[in-house]
PDB file of N, CA and C in Angstrom:
ATOM      1  N   MET A   1     -87.309 -24.683   8.326  1.00  0.00           N
ATOM      2  CA  MET A   1     -87.870 -23.371   8.168  1.00  0.00           C
ATOM      3  C   MET A   1     -87.008 -22.578   7.194  1.00  0.00           C
ATOM      4  N   VAL A   2     -87.595 -21.953   6.236  1.00  0.00           N
ATOM      5  CA  VAL A   2     -86.895 -21.201   5.197  1.00  0.00           C
ATOM      6  C   VAL A   2     -86.972 -19.726   5.565  1.00  0.00           C
ATOM      7  N   PRO A   3     -85.775 -19.051   5.562  1.00  0.00           N
ATOM      8  CA  PRO A   3     -85.815 -17.620   5.901  1.00  0.00           C
ATOM      9  C   PRO A   3     -86.420 -16.799   4.773  1.00  0.00           C
ATOM     10  N   ASN A   4     -86.922 -15.652   5.137  1.00  0.00           N
ATOM     11  CA  ASN A   4     -87.500 -14.747   4.137  1.00  0.00           C
ATOM     12  C   ASN A   4     -86.398 -14.182   3.235  1.00  0.00           C
ATOM     13  N   ALA A   5     -86.772 -13.676   2.088  1.00  0.00           N
ATOM     14  CA  ALA A   5     -85.812 -13.106   1.133  1.00  0.00           C
ATOM     15  C   ALA A   5     -85.203 -11.831   1.669  1.00  0.00           C
ATOM     16  N   SER A   6     -85.857 -11.151   2.581  1.00  0.00           N
ATOM     17  CA  SER A   6     -85.334  -9.883   3.076  1.00  0.00           C
ATOM     18  C   SER A   6     -84.419 -10.054   4.290  1.00  0.00           C
ATOM     19  N   VAL A   7     -84.174 -11.283   4.689  1.00  0.00           N
ATOM     20  CA  VAL A   7     -83.310 -11.515   5.845  1.00  0.00           C
ATOM     21  C   VAL A   7     -81.858 -11.474   5.366  1.00  0.00           C
ATOM     22  N   ARG A   8     -81.034 -10.703   6.089  1.00  0.00           N
ATOM     23  CA  ARG A   8     -79.611 -10.606   5.751  1.00  0.00           C
ATOM     24  C   ARG A   8     -78.766 -10.990   6.958  1.00  0.00           C
ATOM     25  N   ILE A   9     -77.487 -11.225   6.682  1.00  0.00           N
ATOM     26  CA  ILE A   9     -76.557 -11.506   7.773  1.00  0.00           C
ATOM     27  C   ILE A   9     -76.319 -10.199   8.514  1.00  0.00           C
ATOM     28  N   TYR A  10     -76.274 -10.306   9.817  1.00  0.00           N
ATOM     29  CA  TYR A  10     -76.104  -9.106  10.627  1.00  0.00           C
ATOM     30  C   TYR A  10     -74.652  -8.645  10.547  1.00  0.00           C
ATOM     31  N   ARG A  11     -74.480  -7.387  10.164  1.00  0.00           N
ATOM     32  CA  ARG A  11     -73.169  -6.756  10.189  1.00  0.00           C
ATOM     33  C   ARG A  11     -73.347  -5.408  10.861  1.00  0.00           C
ATOM     34  N   PRO A  12     -72.469  -5.140  11.770  1.00  0.00           N
ATOM     35  CA  PRO A  12     -72.593  -3.818  12.417  1.00  0.00           C
ATOM     36  C   PRO A  12     -72.355  -2.700  11.400  1.00  0.00           C
ATOM     37  N   ARG A  13     -73.029  -1.612  11.591  1.00  0.00           N
ATOM     38  CA  ARG A  13     -72.908  -0.498  10.639  1.00  0.00           C
ATOM     39  C   ARG A  13     -71.510   0.117  10.657  1.00  0.00           C
ATOM     40  N   GLN A  14     -70.820   0.021  11.752  1.00  0.00           N
ATOM     41  CA  GLN A  14     -69.473   0.587  11.823  1.00  0.00           C
ATOM     42  C   GLN A  14     -68.541  -0.135  10.847  1.00  0.00           C
ATOM     43  N   MET A  15     -68.629  -1.450  10.762  1.00  0.00           N
ATOM     44  CA  MET A  15     -67.766  -2.214   9.870  1.00  0.00           C
ATOM     45  C   MET A  15     -68.018  -1.824   8.416  1.00  0.00           C
ATOM     46  N   GLU A  16     -69.275  -1.666   8.057  1.00  0.00           N
ATOM     47  CA  GLU A  16     -69.591  -1.298   6.683  1.00  0.00           C
ATOM     48  C   GLU A  16     -69.057   0.091   6.353  1.00  0.00           C
ATOM     49  N   SER A  17     -69.163   1.019   7.267  1.00  0.00           N
ATOM     50  CA  SER A  17     -68.701   2.374   6.987  1.00  0.00           C
ATOM     51  C   SER A  17     -67.173   2.418   6.911  1.00  0.00           C
ATOM     52  N   ILE A  18     -66.481   1.616   7.713  1.00  0.00           N
ATOM     53  CA  ILE A  18     -65.013   1.584   7.659  1.00  0.00           C
ATOM     54  C   ILE A  18     -64.561   1.014   6.327  1.00  0.00           C
ATOM     55  N   ARG A  19     -65.203  -0.072   5.882  1.00  0.00           N
ATOM     56  CA  ARG A  19     -64.834  -0.664   4.597  1.00  0.00           C
ATOM     57  C   ARG A  19     -65.116   0.301   3.446  1.00  0.00           C
ATOM     58  N   GLU A  20     -66.221   0.978   3.515  1.00  0.00           N
ATOM     59  CA  GLU A  20     -66.575   1.906   2.450  1.00  0.00           C
ATOM     60  C   GLU A  20     -65.607   3.082   2.417  1.00  0.00           C
ATOM     61  N   GLU A  21     -65.220   3.585   3.580  1.00  0.00           N
ATOM     62  CA  GLU A  21     -64.240   4.672   3.635  1.00  0.00           C
ATOM     63  C   GLU A  21     -62.907   4.210   3.063  1.00  0.00           C
ATOM     64  N   HIS A  22     -62.517   2.985   3.403  1.00  0.00           N
ATOM     65  CA  HIS A  22     -61.256   2.428   2.897  1.00  0.00           C
ATOM     66  C   HIS A  22     -61.308   2.283   1.372  1.00  0.00           C
ATOM     67  N   ARG A  23     -62.440   1.808   0.858  1.00  0.00           N
ATOM     68  CA  ARG A  23     -62.603   1.645  -0.583  1.00  0.00           C
ATOM     69  C   ARG A  23     -62.587   3.006  -1.281  1.00  0.00           C
ATOM     70  N   LEU A  24     -63.230   3.987  -0.738  1.00  0.00           N
ATOM     71  CA  LEU A  24     -63.252   5.309  -1.340  1.00  0.00           C
ATOM     72  C   LEU A  24     -61.896   6.002  -1.239  1.00  0.00           C
ATOM     73  N   LYS A  25     -61.165   5.686  -0.193  1.00  0.00           N
ATOM     74  CA  LYS A  25     -59.858   6.306   0.007  1.00  0.00           C
ATOM     75  C   LYS A  25     -58.903   5.918  -1.116  1.00  0.00           C
ATOM     76  N   TRP A  26     -58.924   4.668  -1.544  1.00  0.00           N
ATOM     77  CA  TRP A  26     -57.984   4.168  -2.556  1.00  0.00           C
ATOM     78  C   TRP A  26     -58.534   4.267  -3.978  1.00  0.00           C
ATOM     79  N   ARG A  27     -59.715   4.713  -4.138  1.00  0.00           N
ATOM     80  CA  ARG A  27     -60.312   4.807  -5.464  1.00  0.00           C
ATOM     81  C   ARG A  27     -59.911   6.128  -6.109  1.00  0.00           C
ATOM     82  N   LEU A  28     -59.479   6.064  -7.347  1.00  0.00           N
ATOM     83  CA  LEU A  28     -59.101   7.276  -8.065  1.00  0.00           C
ATOM     84  C   LEU A  28     -60.285   7.758  -8.883  1.00  0.00           C
ATOM     85  N   HIS A  29     -60.528   9.026  -8.811  1.00  0.00           N
ATOM     86  CA  HIS A  29     -61.617   9.613  -9.580  1.00  0.00           C
ATOM     87  C   HIS A  29     -60.998  10.277 -10.801  1.00  0.00           C
ATOM     88  N   LEU A  30     -60.840   9.485 -11.876  1.00  0.00           N
ATOM     89  CA  LEU A  30     -60.223  10.005 -13.089  1.00  0.00           C
ATOM     90  C   LEU A  30     -61.200   9.855 -14.247  1.00  0.00           C
ATOM     91  N   SER A  31     -61.096  10.799 -15.150  1.00  0.00           N
ATOM     92  CA  SER A  31     -61.963  10.708 -16.326  1.00  0.00           C
ATOM     93  C   SER A  31     -61.389   9.681 -17.298  1.00  0.00           C
ATOM     94  N   GLY A  32     -62.161   9.330 -18.302  1.00  0.00           N
ATOM     95  CA  GLY A  32     -61.743   8.322 -19.268  1.00  0.00           C
ATOM     96  C   GLY A  32     -60.509   8.734 -20.053  1.00  0.00           C
ATOM     97  N   SER A  33     -60.422  10.009 -20.440  1.00  0.00           N
ATOM     98  CA  SER A  33     -59.266  10.457 -21.223  1.00  0.00           C
ATOM     99  C   SER A  33     -57.988  10.432 -20.383  1.00  0.00           C
ATOM    100  N   VAL A  34     -58.109  10.756 -19.101  1.00  0.00           N
ATOM    101  CA  VAL A  34     -56.929  10.724 -18.228  1.00  0.00           C
ATOM    102  C   VAL A  34     -56.481   9.282 -18.018  1.00  0.00           C
ATOM    103  N   ARG A  35     -57.444   8.375 -17.855  1.00  0.00           N
ATOM    104  CA  ARG A  35     -57.092   6.960 -17.705  1.00  0.00           C
ATOM    105  C   ARG A  35     -56.414   6.434 -18.965  1.00  0.00           C
ATOM    106  N   ARG A  36     -56.934   6.802 -20.116  1.00  0.00           N
ATOM    107  CA  ARG A  36     -56.343   6.375 -21.389  1.00  0.00           C
ATOM    108  C   ARG A  36     -54.927   6.937 -21.522  1.00  0.00           C
ATOM    109  N   PHE A  37     -54.747   8.207 -21.133  1.00  0.00           N
ATOM    110  CA  PHE A  37     -53.426   8.830 -21.191  1.00  0.00           C
ATOM    111  C   PHE A  37     -52.446   8.110 -20.267  1.00  0.00           C
ATOM    112  N   LEU A  38     -52.879   7.800 -19.047  1.00  0.00           N
ATOM    113  CA  LEU A  38     -52.010   7.073 -18.114  1.00  0.00           C
ATOM    114  C   LEU A  38     -51.681   5.667 -18.620  1.00  0.00           C
ATOM    115  N   ALA A  39     -52.652   5.020 -19.249  1.00  0.00           N
ATOM    116  CA  ALA A  39     -52.407   3.692 -19.814  1.00  0.00           C
ATOM    117  C   ALA A  39     -51.387   3.775 -20.945  1.00  0.00           C
ATOM    118  N   MET A  40     -51.495   4.798 -21.790  1.00  0.00           N
ATOM    119  CA  MET A  40     -50.535   4.967 -22.874  1.00  0.00           C
ATOM    120  C   MET A  40     -49.136   5.251 -22.333  1.00  0.00           C
ATOM    121  N   ILE A  41     -49.058   6.059 -21.292  1.00  0.00           N
ATOM    122  CA  ILE A  41     -47.758   6.348 -20.679  1.00  0.00           C
ATOM    123  C   ILE A  41     -47.146   5.060 -20.129  1.00  0.00           C
ATOM    124  N   CYS A  42     -47.950   4.235 -19.494  1.00  0.00           N
ATOM    125  CA  CYS A  42     -47.446   2.958 -18.957  1.00  0.00           C
ATOM    126  C   CYS A  42     -46.956   2.045 -20.079  1.00  0.00           C
ATOM    127  N   VAL A  43     -47.696   1.979 -21.162  1.00  0.00           N
ATOM    128  CA  VAL A  43     -47.292   1.133 -22.295  1.00  0.00           C
ATOM    129  C   VAL A  43     -46.001   1.664 -22.917  1.00  0.00           C
ATOM    130  N   VAL A  44     -45.922   2.970 -23.107  1.00  0.00           N
ATOM    131  CA  VAL A  44     -44.713   3.564 -23.679  1.00  0.00           C
ATOM    132  C   VAL A  44     -43.524   3.329 -22.756  1.00  0.00           C
ATOM    133  N   ALA A  45     -43.724   3.486 -21.449  1.00  0.00           N
ATOM    134  CA  ALA A  45     -42.630   3.260 -20.496  1.00  0.00           C
ATOM    135  C   ALA A  45     -42.178   1.804 -20.535  1.00  0.00           C
ATOM    136  N   LEU A  46     -43.112   0.882 -20.666  1.00  0.00           N
ATOM    137  CA  LEU A  46     -42.766  -0.535 -20.757  1.00  0.00           C
ATOM    138  C   LEU A  46     -41.956  -0.822 -22.013  1.00  0.00           C
ATOM    139  N   VAL A  47     -42.392  -0.288 -23.137  1.00  0.00           N
ATOM    140  CA  VAL A  47     -41.675  -0.509 -24.396  1.00  0.00           C
ATOM    141  C   VAL A  47     -40.281   0.111 -24.334  1.00  0.00           C
ATOM    142  N   VAL A  48     -40.181   1.333 -23.827  1.00  0.00           N
ATOM    143  CA  VAL A  48     -38.871   1.993 -23.713  1.00  0.00           C
ATOM    144  C   VAL A  48     -37.965   1.200 -22.780  1.00  0.00           C
ATOM    145  N   GLY A  49     -38.506   0.717 -21.686  1.00  0.00           N
ATOM    146  CA  GLY A  49     -37.706  -0.100 -20.766  1.00  0.00           C
ATOM    147  C   GLY A  49     -37.194  -1.368 -21.424  1.00  0.00           C
ATOM    148  N   LEU A  50     -38.047  -2.028 -22.203  1.00  0.00           N
ATOM    149  CA  LEU A  50     -37.612  -3.231 -22.916  1.00  0.00           C
ATOM    150  C   LEU A  50     -36.553  -2.907 -23.955  1.00  0.00           C
ATOM    151  N   LEU A  51     -36.717  -1.792 -24.669  1.00  0.00           N
ATOM    152  CA  LEU A  51     -35.715  -1.404 -25.666  1.00  0.00           C
ATOM    153  C   LEU A  51     -34.373  -1.097 -25.015  1.00  0.00           C
ATOM    154  N   ILE A  52     -34.393  -0.396 -23.902  1.00  0.00           N
ATOM    155  CA  ILE A  52     -33.145  -0.090 -23.196  1.00  0.00           C
ATOM    156  C   ILE A  52     -32.487  -1.369 -22.705  1.00  0.00           C
ATOM    157  N   THR A  53     -33.288  -2.297 -22.194  1.00  0.00           N
ATOM    158  CA  THR A  53     -32.747  -3.577 -21.734  1.00  0.00           C
ATOM    159  C   THR A  53     -32.088  -4.325 -22.882  1.00  0.00           C
ATOM    160  N   GLN A  54     -32.746  -4.356 -24.047  1.00  0.00           N
ATOM    161  CA  GLN A  54     -32.174  -5.043 -25.203  1.00  0.00           C
ATOM    162  C   GLN A  54     -30.905  -4.354 -25.690  1.00  0.00           C
ATOM    163  N   PHE A  55     -30.870  -3.034 -25.635  1.00  0.00           N
ATOM    164  CA  PHE A  55     -29.678  -2.289 -26.026  1.00  0.00           C
ATOM    165  C   PHE A  55     -28.498  -2.668 -25.138  1.00  0.00           C
ATOM    166  N   PHE A  56     -28.713  -2.667 -23.823  1.00  0.00           N
ATOM    167  CA  PHE A  56     -27.620  -3.016 -22.909  1.00  0.00           C
ATOM    168  C   PHE A  56     -27.220  -4.483 -23.055  1.00  0.00           C
ATOM    169  N   TYR A  57     -28.170  -5.349 -23.362  1.00  0.00           N
ATOM    170  CA  TYR A  57     -27.849  -6.757 -23.602  1.00  0.00           C
ATOM    171  C   TYR A  57     -26.952  -6.891 -24.837  1.00  0.00           C
ATOM    172  N   GLY A  58     -27.280  -6.157 -25.895  1.00  0.00           N
ATOM    173  CA  GLY A  58     -26.447  -6.170 -27.098  1.00  0.00           C
ATOM    174  C   GLY A  58     -25.049  -5.645 -26.823  1.00  0.00           C
ATOM    175  N   GLN A  59     -24.964  -4.577 -26.035  1.00  0.00           N
ATOM    176  CA  GLN A  59     -23.652  -4.033 -25.673  1.00  0.00           C
ATOM    177  C   GLN A  59     -22.838  -5.054 -24.885  1.00  0.00           C
ATOM    178  N   MET A  60     -23.489  -5.751 -23.967  1.00  0.00           N
ATOM    179  CA  MET A  60     -22.774  -6.765 -23.176  1.00  0.00           C
ATOM    180  C   MET A  60     -22.293  -7.908 -24.054  1.00  0.00           C
ATOM    181  N   MET A  61     -23.102  -8.326 -25.036  1.00  0.00           N
ATOM    182  CA  MET A  61     -22.682  -9.405 -25.925  1.00  0.00           C
ATOM    183  C   MET A  61     -21.508  -8.959 -26.806  1.00  0.00           C
ATOM    184  N   ASP A  62     -21.531  -7.705 -27.267  1.00  0.00           N
ATOM    185  CA  ASP A  62     -20.400  -7.187 -28.037  1.00  0.00           C
ATOM    186  C   ASP A  62     -19.129  -7.151 -27.197  1.00  0.00           C
ATOM    187  N   MET A  63     -19.259  -6.700 -25.964  1.00  0.00           N
ATOM    188  CA  MET A  63     -18.083  -6.655 -25.085  1.00  0.00           C
ATOM    189  C   MET A  63     -17.576  -8.063 -24.783  1.00  0.00           C
ATOM    190  N   ARG A  64     -18.486  -9.026 -24.653  1.00  0.00           N
ATOM    191  CA  ARG A  64     -18.065 -10.408 -24.414  1.00  0.00           C
ATOM    192  C   ARG A  64     -17.297 -10.946 -25.621  1.00  0.00           C
ATOM    193  N   ALA A  65     -17.768 -10.631 -26.836  1.00  0.00           N
ATOM    194  CA  ALA A  65     -17.075 -11.079 -28.049  1.00  0.00           C
ATOM    195  C   ALA A  65     -15.697 -10.428 -28.148  1.00  0.00           C
ATOM    196  N   GLN A  66     -15.603  -9.152 -27.815  1.00  0.00           N
ATOM    197  CA  GLN A  66     -14.304  -8.469 -27.824  1.00  0.00           C
ATOM    198  C   GLN A  66     -13.369  -9.071 -26.793  1.00  0.00           C
ATOM    199  N   ALA A  67     -13.893  -9.415 -25.631  1.00  0.00           N
ATOM    200  CA  ALA A  67     -13.065 -10.031 -24.595  1.00  0.00           C
ATOM    201  C   ALA A  67     -12.532 -11.380 -25.054  1.00  0.00           C
ATOM    202  N   GLU A  68     -13.366 -12.150 -25.759  1.00  0.00           N
ATOM    203  CA  GLU A  68     -12.904 -13.435 -26.278  1.00  0.00           C
ATOM    204  C   GLU A  68     -11.803 -13.234 -27.319  1.00  0.00           C
ATOM    205  N   GLN A  69     -11.948 -12.233 -28.196  1.00  0.00           N
ATOM    206  CA  GLN A  69     -10.911 -11.946 -29.175  1.00  0.00           C
ATOM    207  C   GLN A  69      -9.621 -11.530 -28.478  1.00  0.00           C
ATOM    208  N   LEU A  70      -9.731 -10.656 -27.496  1.00  0.00           N
ATOM    209  CA  LEU A  70      -8.542 -10.209 -26.767  1.00  0.00           C
ATOM    210  C   LEU A  70      -7.887 -11.361 -26.020  1.00  0.00           C
ATOM    211  N   ARG A  71      -8.679 -12.281 -25.511  1.00  0.00           N
ATOM    212  CA  ARG A  71      -8.121 -13.443 -24.822  1.00  0.00           C
ATOM    213  C   ARG A  71      -7.311 -14.291 -25.798  1.00  0.00           C
ATOM    214  N   GLY A  72      -7.823 -14.458 -27.025  1.00  0.00           N
ATOM    215  CA  GLY A  72      -7.089 -15.211 -28.044  1.00  0.00           C
ATOM    216  C   GLY A  72      -5.786 -14.522 -28.425  1.00  0.00           C
ATOM    217  N   VAL A  73      -5.853 -13.206 -28.646  1.00  0.00           N
ATOM    218  CA  VAL A  73      -4.653 -12.445 -28.988  1.00  0.00           C
ATOM    219  C   VAL A  73      -3.656 -12.493 -27.832  1.00  0.00           C
ATOM    220  N   ASN A  74      -4.160 -12.396 -26.617  1.00  0.00           N
ATOM    221  CA  ASN A  74      -3.292 -12.424 -25.444  1.00  0.00           C
ATOM    222  C   ASN A  74      -2.581 -13.769 -25.327  1.00  0.00           C
ATOM    223  N   SER A  75      -3.290 -14.855 -25.609  1.00  0.00           N
ATOM    224  CA  SER A  75      -2.646 -16.176 -25.526  1.00  0.00           C
ATOM    225  C   SER A  75      -1.590 -16.324 -26.622  1.00  0.00           C
ATOM    226  N   GLN A  76      -1.841 -15.769 -27.822  1.00  0.00           N
ATOM    227  CA  GLN A  76      -0.826 -15.798 -28.877  1.00  0.00           C
ATOM    228  C   GLN A  76       0.412 -15.014 -28.471  1.00  0.00           C
ATOM    229  N   ILE A  77       0.217 -13.843 -27.904  1.00  0.00           N
ATOM    230  CA  ILE A  77       1.345 -13.022 -27.451  1.00  0.00           C
ATOM    231  C   ILE A  77       2.115 -13.750 -26.355  1.00  0.00           C
ATOM    232  N   TYR A  78       1.407 -14.407 -25.456  1.00  0.00           N
ATOM    233  CA  TYR A  78       2.073 -15.145 -24.382  1.00  0.00           C
ATOM    234  C   TYR A  78       2.924 -16.273 -24.952  1.00  0.00           C
ATOM    235  N   ASN A  79       2.365 -17.020 -25.916  1.00  0.00           N
ATOM    236  CA  ASN A  79       3.125 -18.120 -26.529  1.00  0.00           C
ATOM    237  C   ASN A  79       4.348 -17.599 -27.281  1.00  0.00           C
ATOM    238  N   GLN A  80       4.186 -16.481 -27.976  1.00  0.00           N
ATOM    239  CA  GLN A  80       5.314 -15.890 -28.685  1.00  0.00           C
ATOM    240  C   GLN A  80       6.376 -15.410 -27.694  1.00  0.00           C
ATOM    241  N   ASN A  81       5.943 -14.862 -26.579  1.00  0.00           N
ATOM    242  CA  ASN A  81       6.889 -14.396 -25.558  1.00  0.00           C
ATOM    243  C   ASN A  81       7.677 -15.571 -24.994  1.00  0.00           C
ATOM    244  N   VAL A  82       7.020 -16.682 -24.731  1.00  0.00           N
ATOM    245  CA  VAL A  82       7.710 -17.866 -24.218  1.00  0.00           C
ATOM    246  C   VAL A  82       8.737 -18.358 -25.236  1.00  0.00           C
ATOM    247  N   ALA A  83       8.357 -18.382 -26.522  1.00  0.00           N
ATOM    248  CA  ALA A  83       9.292 -18.821 -27.567  1.00  0.00           C
ATOM    249  C   ALA A  83      10.486 -17.883 -27.658  1.00  0.00           C
ATOM    250  N   LEU A  84      10.232 -16.568 -27.578  1.00  0.00           N
ATOM    251  CA  LEU A  84      11.332 -15.597 -27.648  1.00  0.00           C
ATOM    252  C   LEU A  84      12.244 -15.698 -26.429  1.00  0.00           C
ATOM    253  N   LEU A  85      11.678 -15.937 -25.263  1.00  0.00           N
ATOM    254  CA  LEU A  85      12.524 -16.103 -24.070  1.00  0.00           C
ATOM    255  C   LEU A  85      13.397 -17.350 -24.185  1.00  0.00           C
ATOM    256  N   ALA A  86      12.845 -18.414 -24.741  1.00  0.00           N
ATOM    257  CA  ALA A  86      13.638 -19.634 -24.931  1.00  0.00           C
ATOM    258  C   ALA A  86      14.748 -19.396 -25.952  1.00  0.00           C
ATOM    259  N   GLN A  87      14.431 -18.666 -27.028  1.00  0.00           N
ATOM    260  CA  GLN A  87      15.440 -18.359 -28.034  1.00  0.00           C
ATOM    261  C   GLN A  87      16.540 -17.474 -27.456  1.00  0.00           C
ATOM    262  N   ARG A  88      16.157 -16.490 -26.634  1.00  0.00           N
ATOM    263  CA  ARG A  88      17.154 -15.625 -25.994  1.00  0.00           C
ATOM    264  C   ARG A  88      18.045 -16.428 -25.067  1.00  0.00           C
ATOM    265  N   ALA A  89      17.455 -17.367 -24.329  1.00  0.00           N
ATOM    266  CA  ALA A  89      18.262 -18.207 -23.437  1.00  0.00           C
ATOM    267  C   ALA A  89      19.256 -19.046 -24.242  1.00  0.00           C
ATOM    268  N   ARG A  90      18.837 -19.572 -25.391  1.00  0.00           N
ATOM    269  CA  ARG A  90      19.764 -20.336 -26.242  1.00  0.00           C
ATOM    270  C   ARG A  90      20.872 -19.443 -26.787  1.00  0.00           C
ATOM    271  N   LEU A  91      20.520 -18.237 -27.242  1.00  0.00           N
ATOM    272  CA  LEU A  91      21.511 -17.350 -27.845  1.00  0.00           C
ATOM    273  C   LEU A  91      22.496 -16.782 -26.823  1.00  0.00           C
ATOM    274  N   THR A  92      22.062 -16.595 -25.596  1.00  0.00           N
ATOM    275  CA  THR A  92      22.949 -16.014 -24.581  1.00  0.00           C
ATOM    276  C   THR A  92      23.620 -17.068 -23.718  1.00  0.00           C
ATOM    277  N   SER A  93      23.495 -18.326 -24.084  1.00  0.00           N
ATOM    278  CA  SER A  93      24.173 -19.354 -23.290  1.00  0.00           C
ATOM    279  C   SER A  93      25.686 -19.228 -23.484  1.00  0.00           C
ATOM    280  N   LYS A  94      26.415 -19.656 -22.510  1.00  0.00           N
ATOM    281  CA  LYS A  94      27.876 -19.515 -22.524  1.00  0.00           C
ATOM    282  C   LYS A  94      28.481 -20.321 -23.665  1.00  0.00           C
ATOM    283  N   ASP A  95      27.997 -21.518 -23.901  1.00  0.00           N
ATOM    284  CA  ASP A  95      28.540 -22.348 -24.981  1.00  0.00           C
ATOM    285  C   ASP A  95      28.360 -21.674 -26.338  1.00  0.00           C
ATOM    286  N   ARG A  96      27.216 -21.085 -26.591  1.00  0.00           N
ATOM    287  CA  ARG A  96      26.950 -20.417 -27.869  1.00  0.00           C
ATOM    288  C   ARG A  96      27.840 -19.199 -28.043  1.00  0.00           C
ATOM    289  N   ILE A  97      28.018 -18.397 -26.980  1.00  0.00           N
ATOM    290  CA  ILE A  97      28.855 -17.197 -27.069  1.00  0.00           C
ATOM    291  C   ILE A  97      30.309 -17.586 -27.353  1.00  0.00           C
ATOM    292  N   VAL A  98      30.793 -18.619 -26.693  1.00  0.00           N
ATOM    293  CA  VAL A  98      32.164 -19.067 -26.916  1.00  0.00           C
ATOM    294  C   VAL A  98      32.328 -19.574 -28.340  1.00  0.00           C
ATOM    295  N   ALA A  99      31.382 -20.307 -28.856  1.00  0.00           N
ATOM    296  CA  ALA A  99      31.474 -20.831 -30.219  1.00  0.00           C
ATOM    297  C   ALA A  99      31.444 -19.706 -31.241  1.00  0.00           C
ATOM    298  N   VAL A 100      30.575 -18.713 -31.082  1.00  0.00           N
ATOM    299  CA  VAL A 100      30.495 -17.593 -32.025  1.00  0.00           C
ATOM    300  C   VAL A 100      31.756 -16.749 -31.951  1.00  0.00           C
ATOM    301  N   ALA A 101      32.290 -16.510 -30.746  1.00  0.00           N
ATOM    302  CA  ALA A 101      33.521 -15.723 -30.601  1.00  0.00           C
ATOM    303  C   ALA A 101      34.697 -16.448 -31.253  1.00  0.00           C
ATOM    304  N   ALA A 102      34.724 -17.766 -31.160  1.00  0.00           N
ATOM    305  CA  ALA A 102      35.824 -18.527 -31.770  1.00  0.00           C
ATOM    306  C   ALA A 102      35.747 -18.449 -33.291  1.00  0.00           C
ATOM    307  N   VAL A 103      34.551 -18.515 -33.858  1.00  0.00           N
ATOM    308  CA  VAL A 103      34.411 -18.520 -35.317  1.00  0.00           C
ATOM    309  C   VAL A 103      34.583 -17.117 -35.890  1.00  0.00           C
ATOM    310  N   LYS A 104      33.883 -16.134 -35.375  1.00  0.00           N
ATOM    311  CA  LYS A 104      33.873 -14.798 -35.975  1.00  0.00           C
ATOM    312  C   LYS A 104      35.066 -13.945 -35.572  1.00  0.00           C
ATOM    313  N   LEU A 105      35.444 -14.009 -34.299  1.00  0.00           N
ATOM    314  CA  LEU A 105      36.479 -13.102 -33.798  1.00  0.00           C
ATOM    315  C   LEU A 105      37.812 -13.797 -33.524  1.00  0.00           C
ATOM    316  N   ASN A 106      37.834 -15.082 -33.691  1.00  0.00           N
ATOM    317  CA  ASN A 106      39.033 -15.862 -33.443  1.00  0.00           C
ATOM    318  C   ASN A 106      39.509 -15.693 -31.992  1.00  0.00           C
ATOM    319  N   LEU A 107      38.562 -15.653 -31.078  1.00  0.00           N
ATOM    320  CA  LEU A 107      38.863 -15.543 -29.647  1.00  0.00           C
ATOM    321  C   LEU A 107      38.578 -16.887 -28.995  1.00  0.00           C
ATOM    322  N   PHE A 108      39.425 -17.216 -28.014  1.00  0.00           N
ATOM    323  CA  PHE A 108      39.256 -18.488 -27.309  1.00  0.00           C
ATOM    324  C   PHE A 108      39.369 -18.246 -25.817  1.00  0.00           C
ATOM    325  N   GLU A 109      38.786 -19.121 -25.051  1.00  0.00           N
ATOM    326  CA  GLU A 109      38.832 -19.038 -23.598  1.00  0.00           C
ATOM    327  C   GLU A 109      40.239 -19.415 -23.133  1.00  0.00           C
ATOM    328  N   PRO A 110      40.760 -18.708 -22.169  1.00  0.00           N
ATOM    329  CA  PRO A 110      42.112 -19.032 -21.701  1.00  0.00           C
ATOM    330  C   PRO A 110      42.125 -20.361 -20.942  1.00  0.00           C
ATOM    331  N   ASP A 111      43.264 -21.068 -21.067  1.00  0.00           N
ATOM    332  CA  ASP A 111      43.436 -22.312 -20.331  1.00  0.00           C
ATOM    333  C   ASP A 111      43.884 -21.999 -18.915  1.00  0.00           C
ATOM    334  N   GLN A 112      44.020 -23.042 -18.105  1.00  0.00           N
ATOM    335  CA  GLN A 112      44.424 -22.872 -16.693  1.00  0.00           C
ATOM    336  C   GLN A 112      45.848 -22.286 -16.609  1.00  0.00           C
ATOM    337  N   GLY A 113      46.700 -22.663 -17.466  1.00  0.00           N
ATOM    338  CA  GLY A 113      48.074 -22.201 -17.372  1.00  0.00           C
ATOM    339  C   GLY A 113      48.257 -20.791 -17.861  1.00  0.00           C
ATOM    340  N   GLN A 114      47.314 -20.243 -18.599  1.00  0.00           N
ATOM    341  CA  GLN A 114      47.456 -18.891 -19.153  1.00  0.00           C
ATOM    342  C   GLN A 114      47.023 -17.801 -18.170  1.00  0.00           C
ATOM    343  N   VAL A 115      46.251 -18.148 -17.184  1.00  0.00           N
ATOM    344  CA  VAL A 115      45.716 -17.137 -16.257  1.00  0.00           C
ATOM    345  C   VAL A 115      46.585 -17.122 -15.012  1.00  0.00           C
ATOM    346  N   ARG A 116      47.107 -15.931 -14.664  1.00  0.00           N
ATOM    347  CA  ARG A 116      47.894 -15.775 -13.437  1.00  0.00           C
ATOM    348  C   ARG A 116      47.199 -14.725 -12.571  1.00  0.00           C
ATOM    349  N   ARG A 117      47.075 -15.075 -11.335  1.00  0.00           N
ATOM    350  CA  ARG A 117      46.442 -14.150 -10.391  1.00  0.00           C
ATOM    351  C   ARG A 117      47.472 -13.643  -9.431  1.00  0.00           C
ATOM    352  N   MET A 118      47.392 -12.401  -9.131  1.00  0.00           N
ATOM    353  CA  MET A 118      48.373 -11.831  -8.217  1.00  0.00           C
ATOM    354  C   MET A 118      47.784 -11.606  -6.867  1.00  0.00           C
TER     355      MET A 118
END
C-alpha cells in the first residue's frame, strides 16, 4: 500500500515550536550592509593578527641570531680567560720568580746554613 502525498510523519506541535524558537533565538537580523561591514572587520582583524604574528616571529628570529653571536663571543672570551689564567700561573710560579730575581736583581734564595731562627 502506497501512502498518499499529503501524509507526513507525526511530530508533536510542541517540538516544532521549541525548535523554531531556538532557531529564531540564535538568528541575527542584520541588514546586508551591516553583514558586509562585520565581514570586513573580521577579514581586517585576521590580516592584522597574521601581521602581528609575523612581526613577533621576526623579532624572535633576530633575538635567536643575536643569542648565537653572543654565545660565540662568550666562548671566545672563556677560551681567552683560560689561556690568561694558565699564563698567570706560569708567570707567578715560584721557579719563574726565583729565576727572574736571580737574573734581574741578582737575588738568590738563602741556603740552609744562612738562615738562623731564634
